[in-house]
Amino acid sequence: TGGDPYKAYKTRLSMALRLLWPKRQEQRSPFWRPD
């Protein structure tokens, strides 16, 4: 923990999680599958 590599990793991870689980129902992830 700490330092620039950790901050960059944390930022990229949070961006990936936001793409997988969007907040609004009408804004679906490209990976969302109803089944």
Full PDB file with SEQRES, HELIX, SHEET, SSBOND, CRYST1, ORIGX, SCALE, CONECT and MASTER records, all heavy atoms in Angstrom:
SEQRES   1 A   35  THR GLY GLY ASP PRO TYR LYS ALA TYR LYS THR ARG LEU          
SEQRES   2 A   35  SER MET ALA LEU ARG LEU LEU TRP PRO LYS ARG GLN GLU          
SEQRES   3 A   35  GLN ARG SER PRO PHE TRP ARG PRO ASP                          
HELIX    1 AA1 GLY A    3  LEU A   20  1                                  18    
CRYST1    1.000    1.000    1.000  90.00  90.00  90.00 P 1           1          
ORIGX1      1.000000  0.000000  0.000000        0.00000                         
ORIGX2      0.000000  1.000000  0.000000        0.00000                         
ORIGX3      0.000000  0.000000  1.000000        0.00000                         
SCALE1      1.000000  0.000000  0.000000        0.00000                         
SCALE2      0.000000  1.000000  0.000000        0.00000                         
SCALE3      0.000000  0.000000  1.000000        0.00000                         
ATOM      1  N   THR A   1       0.840  -1.200   0.000  1.00  0.00           N  
ATOM      2  CA  THR A   1       0.000   0.000   0.000  1.00  0.00           C  
ATOM      3  C   THR A   1       0.871   1.244   0.000  1.00  0.00           C  
ATOM      4  O   THR A   1       1.990   1.244   0.502  1.00  0.00           O  
ATOM      5  CB  THR A   1      -0.918   0.020   1.225  1.00  0.00           C  
ATOM      6  OG1 THR A   1      -0.126  -0.034   2.405  1.00  0.00           O  
ATOM      7  CG2 THR A   1      -1.875  -1.152   1.206  1.00  0.00           C  
ATOM      8  N   GLY A   2       0.328   2.290  -0.587  1.00  0.00           N  
ATOM      9  CA  GLY A   2       1.040   3.557  -0.653  1.00  0.00           C  
ATOM     10  C   GLY A   2       1.838   3.682  -1.933  1.00  0.00           C  
ATOM     11  O   GLY A   2       2.177   2.706  -2.590  1.00  0.00           O  
ATOM     12  N   GLY A   3       2.115   4.886  -2.296  1.00  0.00           N  
ATOM     13  CA  GLY A   3       2.931   5.132  -3.483  1.00  0.00           C  
ATOM     14  C   GLY A   3       2.097   5.236  -4.747  1.00  0.00           C  
ATOM     15  O   GLY A   3       0.909   4.929  -4.776  1.00  0.00           O  
ATOM     16  N   ASP A   4       2.760   5.661  -5.811  1.00  0.00           N  
ATOM     17  CA  ASP A   4       2.080   5.866  -7.090  1.00  0.00           C  
ATOM     18  C   ASP A   4       1.599   4.573  -7.745  1.00  0.00           C  
ATOM     19  O   ASP A   4       0.495   4.543  -8.286  1.00  0.00           O  
ATOM     20  CB  ASP A   4       2.989   6.630  -8.052  1.00  0.00           C  
ATOM     21  CG  ASP A   4       3.128   8.094  -7.645  1.00  0.00           C  
ATOM     22  OD1 ASP A   4       2.208   8.611  -6.967  1.00  0.00           O  
ATOM     23  OD2 ASP A   4       4.151   8.709  -7.999  1.00  0.00           O  
ATOM     24  N   PRO A   5       2.375   3.477  -7.729  1.00  0.00           N  
ATOM     25  CA  PRO A   5       1.857   2.251  -8.360  1.00  0.00           C  
ATOM     26  C   PRO A   5       0.572   1.756  -7.701  1.00  0.00           C  
ATOM     27  O   PRO A   5      -0.349   1.307  -8.375  1.00  0.00           O  
ATOM     28  CB  PRO A   5       2.985   1.231  -8.186  1.00  0.00           C  
ATOM     29  CG  PRO A   5       4.196   2.038  -7.988  1.00  0.00           C  
ATOM     30  CD  PRO A   5       3.761   3.299  -7.300  1.00  0.00           C  
ATOM     31  N   TYR A   6       0.492   1.873  -6.390  1.00  0.00           N  
ATOM     32  CA  TYR A   6      -0.707   1.445  -5.672  1.00  0.00           C  
ATOM     33  C   TYR A   6      -1.899   2.320  -6.037  1.00  0.00           C  
ATOM     34  O   TYR A   6      -2.993   1.818  -6.278  1.00  0.00           O  
ATOM     35  CB  TYR A   6      -0.462   1.492  -4.166  1.00  0.00           C  
ATOM     36  CG  TYR A   6      -1.677   1.126  -3.347  1.00  0.00           C  
ATOM     37  CD1 TYR A   6      -2.105  -0.194  -3.269  1.00  0.00           C  
ATOM     38  CD2 TYR A   6      -2.398   2.091  -2.668  1.00  0.00           C  
ATOM     39  CE1 TYR A   6      -3.218  -0.534  -2.540  1.00  0.00           C  
ATOM     40  CE2 TYR A   6      -3.507   1.763  -1.929  1.00  0.00           C  
ATOM     41  CZ  TYR A   6      -3.917   0.440  -1.865  1.00  0.00           C  
ATOM     42  OH  TYR A   6      -5.031   0.107  -1.128  1.00  0.00           O  
ATOM     43  N   LYS A   7      -1.701   3.622  -6.126  1.00  0.00           N  
ATOM     44  CA  LYS A   7      -2.798   4.532  -6.486  1.00  0.00           C  
ATOM     45  C   LYS A   7      -3.281   4.254  -7.907  1.00  0.00           C  
ATOM     46  O   LYS A   7      -4.482   4.272  -8.168  1.00  0.00           O  
ATOM     47  CB  LYS A   7      -2.348   5.984  -6.354  1.00  0.00           C  
ATOM     48  CG  LYS A   7      -2.208   6.434  -4.926  1.00  0.00           C  
ATOM     49  CD  LYS A   7      -1.763   7.882  -4.863  1.00  0.00           C  
ATOM     50  CE  LYS A   7      -1.515   8.304  -3.431  1.00  0.00           C  
ATOM     51  NZ  LYS A   7      -1.001   9.669  -3.339  1.00  0.00           N  
ATOM     52  N   ALA A   8      -2.355   3.995  -8.821  1.00  0.00           N  
ATOM     53  CA  ALA A   8      -2.738   3.693 -10.202  1.00  0.00           C  
ATOM     54  C   ALA A   8      -3.520   2.382 -10.274  1.00  0.00           C  
ATOM     55  O   ALA A   8      -4.534   2.286 -10.969  1.00  0.00           O  
ATOM     56  CB  ALA A   8      -1.495   3.621 -11.082  1.00  0.00           C  
ATOM     57  N   TYR A   9      -3.065   1.379  -9.530  1.00  0.00           N  
ATOM     58  CA  TYR A   9      -3.760   0.087  -9.494  1.00  0.00           C  
ATOM     59  C   TYR A   9      -5.160   0.255  -8.920  1.00  0.00           C  
ATOM     60  O   TYR A   9      -6.134  -0.275  -9.455  1.00  0.00           O  
ATOM     61  CB  TYR A   9      -2.948  -0.903  -8.662  1.00  0.00           C  
ATOM     62  CG  TYR A   9      -3.665  -2.192  -8.381  1.00  0.00           C  
ATOM     63  CD1 TYR A   9      -3.769  -3.171  -9.357  1.00  0.00           C  
ATOM     64  CD2 TYR A   9      -4.247  -2.430  -7.142  1.00  0.00           C  
ATOM     65  CE1 TYR A   9      -4.431  -4.355  -9.105  1.00  0.00           C  
ATOM     66  CE2 TYR A   9      -4.909  -3.607  -6.877  1.00  0.00           C  
ATOM     67  CZ  TYR A   9      -5.006  -4.562  -7.859  1.00  0.00           C  
ATOM     68  OH  TYR A   9      -5.660  -5.726  -7.612  1.00  0.00           O  
ATOM     69  N   LYS A  10      -5.278   0.989  -7.842  1.00  0.00           N  
ATOM     70  CA  LYS A  10      -6.560   1.200  -7.184  1.00  0.00           C  
ATOM     71  C   LYS A  10      -7.522   1.956  -8.100  1.00  0.00           C  
ATOM     72  O   LYS A  10      -8.706   1.628  -8.179  1.00  0.00           O  
ATOM     73  CB  LYS A  10      -6.321   1.980  -5.894  1.00  0.00           C  
ATOM     74  CG  LYS A  10      -7.497   2.045  -4.984  1.00  0.00           C  
ATOM     75  CD  LYS A  10      -7.094   2.684  -3.672  1.00  0.00           C  
ATOM     76  CE  LYS A  10      -8.297   2.950  -2.806  1.00  0.00           C  
ATOM     77  NZ  LYS A  10      -7.969   3.619  -1.578  1.00  0.00           N  
ATOM     78  N   THR A  11      -7.015   2.943  -8.823  1.00  0.00           N  
ATOM     79  CA  THR A  11      -7.852   3.710  -9.750  1.00  0.00           C  
ATOM     80  C   THR A  11      -8.360   2.825 -10.874  1.00  0.00           C  
ATOM     81  O   THR A  11      -9.549   2.843 -11.211  1.00  0.00           O  
ATOM     82  CB  THR A  11      -7.057   4.892 -10.324  1.00  0.00           C  
ATOM     83  OG1 THR A  11      -6.607   5.708  -9.251  1.00  0.00           O  
ATOM     84  CG2 THR A  11      -7.903   5.716 -11.267  1.00  0.00           C  
ATOM     85  N   ARG A  12      -7.469   2.026 -11.464  1.00  0.00           N  
ATOM     86  CA  ARG A  12      -7.882   1.141 -12.558  1.00  0.00           C  
ATOM     87  C   ARG A  12      -8.883   0.102 -12.088  1.00  0.00           C  
ATOM     88  O   ARG A  12      -9.825  -0.234 -12.793  1.00  0.00           O  
ATOM     89  CB  ARG A  12      -6.668   0.464 -13.190  1.00  0.00           C  
ATOM     90  CG  ARG A  12      -5.981   1.388 -14.188  1.00  0.00           C  
ATOM     91  CD  ARG A  12      -4.860   0.689 -14.889  1.00  0.00           C  
ATOM     92  NE  ARG A  12      -3.642   1.134 -14.224  1.00  0.00           N  
ATOM     93  CZ  ARG A  12      -2.603   0.367 -13.933  1.00  0.00           C  
ATOM     94  NH1 ARG A  12      -2.588  -0.871 -14.297  1.00  0.00           N  
ATOM     95  NH2 ARG A  12      -1.560   0.852 -13.318  1.00  0.00           N  
ATOM     96  N   LEU A  13      -8.679  -0.432 -10.887  1.00  0.00           N  
ATOM     97  CA  LEU A  13      -9.597  -1.429 -10.350  1.00  0.00           C  
ATOM     98  C   LEU A  13     -10.978  -0.826 -10.109  1.00  0.00           C  
ATOM     99  O   LEU A  13     -11.995  -1.441 -10.448  1.00  0.00           O  
ATOM    100  CB  LEU A  13      -9.034  -2.010  -9.054  1.00  0.00           C  
ATOM    101  CG  LEU A  13      -9.856  -3.117  -8.413  1.00  0.00           C  
ATOM    102  CD1 LEU A  13      -9.930  -4.314  -9.339  1.00  0.00           C  
ATOM    103  CD2 LEU A  13      -9.244  -3.515  -7.095  1.00  0.00           C  
ATOM    104  N   SER A  14     -11.036   0.368  -9.561  1.00  0.00           N  
ATOM    105  CA  SER A  14     -12.340   0.995  -9.309  1.00  0.00           C  
ATOM    106  C   SER A  14     -13.054   1.311 -10.623  1.00  0.00           C  
ATOM    107  O   SER A  14     -14.276   1.173 -10.711  1.00  0.00           O  
ATOM    108  CB  SER A  14     -12.187   2.244  -8.455  1.00  0.00           C  
ATOM    109  OG  SER A  14     -11.513   3.248  -9.144  1.00  0.00           O  
ATOM    110  N   MET A  15     -12.317   1.707 -11.656  1.00  0.00           N  
ATOM    111  CA  MET A  15     -12.929   1.971 -12.958  1.00  0.00           C  
ATOM    112  C   MET A  15     -13.500   0.680 -13.551  1.00  0.00           C  
ATOM    113  O   MET A  15     -14.608   0.671 -14.095  1.00  0.00           O  
ATOM    114  CB  MET A  15     -11.912   2.591 -13.906  1.00  0.00           C  
ATOM    115  CG  MET A  15     -11.587   4.029 -13.558  1.00  0.00           C  
ATOM    116  SD  MET A  15     -10.140   4.711 -14.367  1.00  0.00           S  
ATOM    117  CE  MET A  15     -10.536   4.535 -16.076  1.00  0.00           C  
ATOM    118  N   ALA A  16     -12.769  -0.416 -13.423  1.00  0.00           N  
ATOM    119  CA  ALA A  16     -13.246  -1.700 -13.948  1.00  0.00           C  
ATOM    120  C   ALA A  16     -14.500  -2.154 -13.206  1.00  0.00           C  
ATOM    121  O   ALA A  16     -15.457  -2.642 -13.819  1.00  0.00           O  
ATOM    122  CB  ALA A  16     -12.146  -2.748 -13.829  1.00  0.00           C  
ATOM    123  N   LEU A  17     -14.534  -1.970 -11.904  1.00  0.00           N  
ATOM    124  CA  LEU A  17     -15.709  -2.367 -11.133  1.00  0.00           C  
ATOM    125  C   LEU A  17     -16.923  -1.520 -11.484  1.00  0.00           C  
ATOM    126  O   LEU A  17     -18.041  -2.022 -11.539  1.00  0.00           O  
ATOM    127  CB  LEU A  17     -15.412  -2.284  -9.630  1.00  0.00           C  
ATOM    128  CG  LEU A  17     -14.478  -3.359  -9.099  1.00  0.00           C  
ATOM    129  CD1 LEU A  17     -14.156  -3.104  -7.639  1.00  0.00           C  
ATOM    130  CD2 LEU A  17     -15.079  -4.739  -9.287  1.00  0.00           C  
ATOM    131  N   ARG A  18     -16.706  -0.236 -11.719  1.00  0.00           N  
ATOM    132  CA  ARG A  18     -17.830   0.625 -12.114  1.00  0.00           C  
ATOM    133  C   ARG A  18     -18.373   0.223 -13.472  1.00  0.00           C  
ATOM    134  O   ARG A  18     -19.569   0.332 -13.718  1.00  0.00           O  
ATOM    135  CB  ARG A  18     -17.399   2.091 -12.135  1.00  0.00           C  
ATOM    136  CG  ARG A  18     -17.612   2.741 -10.784  1.00  0.00           C  
ATOM    137  CD  ARG A  18     -17.290   4.203 -10.852  1.00  0.00           C  
ATOM    138  NE  ARG A  18     -15.867   4.324 -10.508  1.00  0.00           N  
ATOM    139  CZ  ARG A  18     -15.033   5.184 -11.016  1.00  0.00           C  
ATOM    140  NH1 ARG A  18     -15.437   6.054 -11.891  1.00  0.00           N  
ATOM    141  NH2 ARG A  18     -13.775   5.211 -10.642  1.00  0.00           N  
ATOM    142  N   LEU A  19     -17.525  -0.249 -14.377  1.00  0.00           N  
ATOM    143  CA  LEU A  19     -18.008  -0.705 -15.679  1.00  0.00           C  
ATOM    144  C   LEU A  19     -18.818  -1.987 -15.555  1.00  0.00           C  
ATOM    145  O   LEU A  19     -19.795  -2.186 -16.265  1.00  0.00           O  
ATOM    146  CB  LEU A  19     -16.838  -0.940 -16.636  1.00  0.00           C  
ATOM    147  CG  LEU A  19     -16.193   0.301 -17.234  1.00  0.00           C  
ATOM    148  CD1 LEU A  19     -14.961  -0.108 -18.020  1.00  0.00           C  
ATOM    149  CD2 LEU A  19     -17.172   1.030 -18.110  1.00  0.00           C  
ATOM    150  N   LEU A  20     -18.403  -2.873 -14.656  1.00  0.00           N  
ATOM    151  CA  LEU A  20     -19.112  -4.141 -14.494  1.00  0.00           C  
ATOM    152  C   LEU A  20     -20.437  -3.978 -13.767  1.00  0.00           C  
ATOM    153  O   LEU A  20     -21.383  -4.701 -14.029  1.00  0.00           O  
ATOM    154  CB  LEU A  20     -18.230  -5.142 -13.741  1.00  0.00           C  
ATOM    155  CG  LEU A  20     -17.051  -5.681 -14.534  1.00  0.00           C  
ATOM    156  CD1 LEU A  20     -16.166  -6.519 -13.644  1.00  0.00           C  
ATOM    157  CD2 LEU A  20     -17.537  -6.498 -15.712  1.00  0.00           C  
ATOM    158  N   TRP A  21     -20.493  -3.068 -12.795  1.00  0.00           N  
ATOM    159  CA  TRP A  21     -21.701  -2.865 -12.012  1.00  0.00           C  
ATOM    160  C   TRP A  21     -22.122  -1.407 -12.058  1.00  0.00           C  
ATOM    161  O   TRP A  21     -21.885  -0.656 -11.111  1.00  0.00           O  
ATOM    162  CB  TRP A  21     -21.485  -3.298 -10.562  1.00  0.00           C  
ATOM    163  CG  TRP A  21     -21.343  -4.768 -10.455  1.00  0.00           C  
ATOM    164  CD1 TRP A  21     -22.333  -5.686 -10.502  1.00  0.00           C  
ATOM    165  CD2 TRP A  21     -20.124  -5.504 -10.301  1.00  0.00           C  
ATOM    166  NE1 TRP A  21     -21.814  -6.947 -10.387  1.00  0.00           N  
ATOM    167  CE2 TRP A  21     -20.468  -6.870 -10.260  1.00  0.00           C  
ATOM    168  CE3 TRP A  21     -18.787  -5.135 -10.195  1.00  0.00           C  
ATOM    169  CZ2 TRP A  21     -19.521  -7.854 -10.121  1.00  0.00           C  
ATOM    170  CZ3 TRP A  21     -17.845  -6.126 -10.051  1.00  0.00           C  
ATOM    171  CH2 TRP A  21     -18.207  -7.463 -10.014  1.00  0.00           C  
ATOM    172  N   PRO A  22     -22.769  -0.988 -13.152  1.00  0.00           N  
ATOM    173  CA  PRO A  22     -23.200   0.408 -13.237  1.00  0.00           C  
ATOM    174  C   PRO A  22     -24.304   0.708 -12.221  1.00  0.00           C  
ATOM    175  O   PRO A  22     -25.036  -0.177 -11.807  1.00  0.00           O  
ATOM    176  CB  PRO A  22     -23.705   0.543 -14.665  1.00  0.00           C  
ATOM    177  CG  PRO A  22     -23.989  -0.834 -15.118  1.00  0.00           C  
ATOM    178  CD  PRO A  22     -23.105  -1.747 -14.336  1.00  0.00           C  
ATOM    179  N   LYS A  23     -24.417   1.962 -11.843  1.00  0.00           N  
ATOM    180  CA  LYS A  23     -25.374   2.375 -10.815  1.00  0.00           C  
ATOM    181  C   LYS A  23     -26.812   2.367 -11.325  1.00  0.00           C  
ATOM    182  O   LYS A  23     -27.714   1.941 -10.639  1.00  0.00           O  
ATOM    183  CB  LYS A  23     -25.038   3.785 -10.321  1.00  0.00           C  
ATOM    184  CG  LYS A  23     -23.666   3.904  -9.732  1.00  0.00           C  
ATOM    185  CD  LYS A  23     -23.731   3.703  -8.257  1.00  0.00           C  
ATOM    186  CE  LYS A  23     -22.377   3.989  -7.651  1.00  0.00           C  
ATOM    187  NZ  LYS A  23     -21.908   3.000  -6.785  1.00  0.00           N  
ATOM    188  N   ARG A  24     -27.038   2.888 -12.510  1.00  0.00           N  
ATOM    189  CA  ARG A  24     -28.398   3.005 -13.035  1.00  0.00           C  
ATOM    190  C   ARG A  24     -28.798   1.767 -13.816  1.00  0.00           C  
ATOM    191  O   ARG A  24     -27.981   1.126 -14.466  1.00  0.00           O  
ATOM    192  CB  ARG A  24     -28.495   4.230 -13.934  1.00  0.00           C  
ATOM    193  CG  ARG A  24     -28.344   5.528 -13.176  1.00  0.00           C  
ATOM    194  CD  ARG A  24     -28.518   6.679 -14.125  1.00  0.00           C  
ATOM    195  NE  ARG A  24     -27.480   6.617 -15.151  1.00  0.00           N  
ATOM    196  CZ  ARG A  24     -26.580   7.565 -15.341  1.00  0.00           C  
ATOM    197  NH1 ARG A  24     -26.601   8.639 -14.622  1.00  0.00           N  
ATOM    198  NH2 ARG A  24     -25.667   7.436 -16.267  1.00  0.00           N  
ATOM    199  N   GLN A  25     -30.082   1.455 -13.754  1.00  0.00           N  
ATOM    200  CA  GLN A  25     -30.594   0.267 -14.435  1.00  0.00           C  
ATOM    201  C   GLN A  25     -30.504   0.405 -15.956  1.00  0.00           C  
ATOM    202  O   GLN A  25     -30.230  -0.558 -16.659  1.00  0.00           O  
ATOM    203  CB  GLN A  25     -32.048   0.039 -14.010  1.00  0.00           C  
ATOM    204  CG  GLN A  25     -32.611  -1.288 -14.443  1.00  0.00           C  
ATOM    205  CD  GLN A  25     -32.001  -2.464 -13.710  1.00  0.00           C  
ATOM    206  OE1 GLN A  25     -31.271  -2.302 -12.751  1.00  0.00           O  
ATOM    207  NE2 GLN A  25     -32.287  -3.642 -14.189  1.00  0.00           N  
ATOM    208  N   GLU A  26     -30.732   1.621 -16.484  1.00  0.00           N  
ATOM    209  CA  GLU A  26     -30.716   1.802 -17.941  1.00  0.00           C  
ATOM    210  C   GLU A  26     -29.302   1.824 -18.511  1.00  0.00           C  
ATOM    211  O   GLU A  26     -29.122   1.721 -19.706  1.00  0.00           O  
ATOM    212  CB  GLU A  26     -31.470   3.079 -18.344  1.00  0.00           C  
ATOM    213  CG  GLU A  26     -30.805   4.374 -17.906  1.00  0.00           C  
ATOM    214  CD  GLU A  26     -31.193   4.836 -16.514  1.00  0.00           C  
ATOM    215  OE1 GLU A  26     -31.951   4.136 -15.836  1.00  0.00           O  
ATOM    216  OE2 GLU A  26     -30.726   5.906 -16.111  1.00  0.00           O  
ATOM    217  N   GLN A  27     -28.305   1.952 -17.676  1.00  0.00           N  
ATOM    218  CA  GLN A  27     -26.908   1.970 -18.121  1.00  0.00           C  
ATOM    219  C   GLN A  27     -26.288   0.607 -17.836  1.00  0.00           C  
ATOM    220  O   GLN A  27     -25.653   0.396 -16.836  1.00  0.00           O  
ATOM    221  CB  GLN A  27     -26.153   3.080 -17.384  1.00  0.00           C  
ATOM    222  CG  GLN A  27     -24.707   3.202 -17.768  1.00  0.00           C  
ATOM    223  CD  GLN A  27     -23.978   4.188 -16.868  1.00  0.00           C  
ATOM    224  OE1 GLN A  27     -24.508   4.622 -15.858  1.00  0.00           O  
ATOM    225  NE2 GLN A  27     -22.772   4.505 -17.218  1.00  0.00           N  
ATOM    226  N   ARG A  28     -26.516  -0.325 -18.704  1.00  0.00           N  
ATOM    227  CA  ARG A  28     -26.060  -1.696 -18.496  1.00  0.00           C  
ATOM    228  C   ARG A  28     -24.581  -1.856 -18.854  1.00  0.00           C  
ATOM    229  O   ARG A  28     -24.061  -1.182 -19.730  1.00  0.00           O  
ATOM    230  CB  ARG A  28     -26.863  -2.655 -19.363  1.00  0.00           C  
ATOM    231  CG  ARG A  28     -28.309  -2.714 -18.964  1.00  0.00           C  
ATOM    232  CD  ARG A  28     -28.573  -4.008 -18.275  1.00  0.00           C  
ATOM    233  NE  ARG A  28     -29.995  -4.140 -18.012  1.00  0.00           N  
ATOM    234  CZ  ARG A  28     -30.459  -4.353 -16.808  1.00  0.00           C  
ATOM    235  NH1 ARG A  28     -29.671  -4.446 -15.792  1.00  0.00           N  
ATOM    236  NH2 ARG A  28     -31.745  -4.488 -16.626  1.00  0.00           N  
ATOM    237  N   SER A  29     -23.965  -2.787 -18.194  1.00  0.00           N  
ATOM    238  CA  SER A  29     -22.594  -3.146 -18.514  1.00  0.00           C  
ATOM    239  C   SER A  29     -22.562  -3.889 -19.846  1.00  0.00           C  
ATOM    240  O   SER A  29     -23.508  -4.604 -20.183  1.00  0.00           O  
ATOM    241  CB  SER A  29     -22.039  -4.042 -17.412  1.00  0.00           C  
ATOM    242  OG  SER A  29     -20.858  -4.671 -17.823  1.00  0.00           O  
ATOM    243  N   PRO A  30     -21.482  -3.788 -20.604  1.00  0.00           N  
ATOM    244  CA  PRO A  30     -21.391  -4.590 -21.841  1.00  0.00           C  
ATOM    245  C   PRO A  30     -21.312  -6.082 -21.544  1.00  0.00           C  
ATOM    246  O   PRO A  30     -21.536  -6.897 -22.422  1.00  0.00           O  
ATOM    247  CB  PRO A  30     -20.109  -4.088 -22.499  1.00  0.00           C  
ATOM    248  CG  PRO A  30     -19.351  -3.383 -21.449  1.00  0.00           C  
ATOM    249  CD  PRO A  30     -20.342  -2.910 -20.432  1.00  0.00           C  
ATOM    250  N   PHE A  31     -21.024  -6.443 -20.303  1.00  0.00           N  
ATOM    251  CA  PHE A  31     -20.914  -7.844 -19.913  1.00  0.00           C  
ATOM    252  C   PHE A  31     -22.200  -8.378 -19.294  1.00  0.00           C  
ATOM    253  O   PHE A  31     -22.262  -9.520 -18.892  1.00  0.00           O  
ATOM    254  CB  PHE A  31     -19.764  -8.023 -18.918  1.00  0.00           C  
ATOM    255  CG  PHE A  31     -18.456  -7.538 -19.452  1.00  0.00           C  
ATOM    256  CD1 PHE A  31     -17.925  -6.349 -19.005  1.00  0.00           C  
ATOM    257  CD2 PHE A  31     -17.766  -8.243 -20.415  1.00  0.00           C  
ATOM    258  CE1 PHE A  31     -16.727  -5.878 -19.495  1.00  0.00           C  
ATOM    259  CE2 PHE A  31     -16.570  -7.786 -20.919  1.00  0.00           C  
ATOM    260  CZ  PHE A  31     -16.049  -6.597 -20.459  1.00  0.00           C  
ATOM    261  N   TRP A  32     -23.248  -7.540 -19.186  1.00  0.00           N  
ATOM    262  CA  TRP A  32     -24.486  -7.951 -18.541  1.00  0.00           C  
ATOM    263  C   TRP A  32     -25.230  -8.941 -19.408  1.00  0.00           C  
ATOM    264  O   TRP A  32     -25.399  -8.730 -20.612  1.00  0.00           O  
ATOM    265  CB  TRP A  32     -25.367  -6.740 -18.273  1.00  0.00           C  
ATOM    266  CG  TRP A  32     -26.573  -7.068 -17.460  1.00  0.00           C  
ATOM    267  CD1 TRP A  32     -26.630  -7.183 -16.113  1.00  0.00           C  
ATOM    268  CD2 TRP A  32     -27.883  -7.341 -17.948  1.00  0.00           C  
ATOM    269  NE1 TRP A  32     -27.898  -7.496 -15.721  1.00  0.00           N  
ATOM    270  CE2 TRP A  32     -28.688  -7.607 -16.828  1.00  0.00           C  
ATOM    271  CE3 TRP A  32     -28.447  -7.380 -19.211  1.00  0.00           C  
ATOM    272  CZ2 TRP A  32     -30.027  -7.909 -16.938  1.00  0.00           C  
ATOM    273  CZ3 TRP A  32     -29.789  -7.687 -19.314  1.00  0.00           C  
ATOM    274  CH2 TRP A  32     -30.563  -7.947 -18.184  1.00  0.00           C  
ATOM    275  N   ARG A  33     -25.637 -10.048 -18.794  1.00  0.00           N  
ATOM    276  CA  ARG A  33     -26.421 -11.053 -19.501  1.00  0.00           C  
ATOM    277  C   ARG A  33     -27.616 -11.416 -18.640  1.00  0.00           C  
ATOM    278  O   ARG A  33     -27.453 -11.746 -17.469  1.00  0.00           O  
ATOM    279  CB  ARG A  33     -25.587 -12.305 -19.757  1.00  0.00           C  
ATOM    280  CG  ARG A  33     -24.434 -12.043 -20.676  1.00  0.00           C  
ATOM    281  CD  ARG A  33     -24.117 -13.103 -21.675  1.00  0.00           C  
ATOM    282  NE  ARG A  33     -24.925 -14.282 -21.720  1.00  0.00           N  
ATOM    283  CZ  ARG A  33     -24.419 -15.490 -21.945  1.00  0.00           C  
ATOM    284  NH1 ARG A  33     -23.139 -15.669 -22.078  1.00  0.00           N  
ATOM    285  NH2 ARG A  33     -25.225 -16.529 -22.019  1.00  0.00           N  
ATOM    286  N   PRO A  34     -28.825 -11.344 -19.200  1.00  0.00           N  
ATOM    287  CA  PRO A  34     -30.015 -11.620 -18.393  1.00  0.00           C  
ATOM    288  C   PRO A  34     -30.041 -13.043 -17.846  1.00  0.00           C  
ATOM    289  O   PRO A  34     -30.499 -13.270 -16.728  1.00  0.00           O  
ATOM    290  CB  PRO A  34     -31.178 -11.373 -19.341  1.00  0.00           C  
ATOM    291  CG  PRO A  34     -30.611 -11.177 -20.684  1.00  0.00           C  
ATOM    292  CD  PRO A  34     -29.156 -10.949 -20.549  1.00  0.00           C  
ATOM    293  N   ASP A  35     -29.528 -14.017 -18.602  1.00  0.00           N  
ATOM    294  CA  ASP A  35     -29.546 -15.394 -18.112  1.00  0.00           C  
ATOM    295  C   ASP A  35     -28.603 -15.560 -16.920  1.00  0.00           C  
ATOM    296  O   ASP A  35     -28.918 -16.271 -15.964  1.00  0.00           O  
ATOM    297  CB  ASP A  35     -29.205 -16.378 -19.224  1.00  0.00           C  
ATOM    298  CG  ASP A  35     -27.879 -16.091 -19.893  1.00  0.00           C  
ATOM    299  OD1 ASP A  35     -27.446 -14.918 -19.875  1.00  0.00           O  
ATOM    300  OD2 ASP A  35     -27.282 -17.023 -20.458  1.00  0.00           O  
TER     301      ASP A  35                                                      
MASTER        0    0    0    1    0    0    0    6  300    1    0    3          
END                                                                             
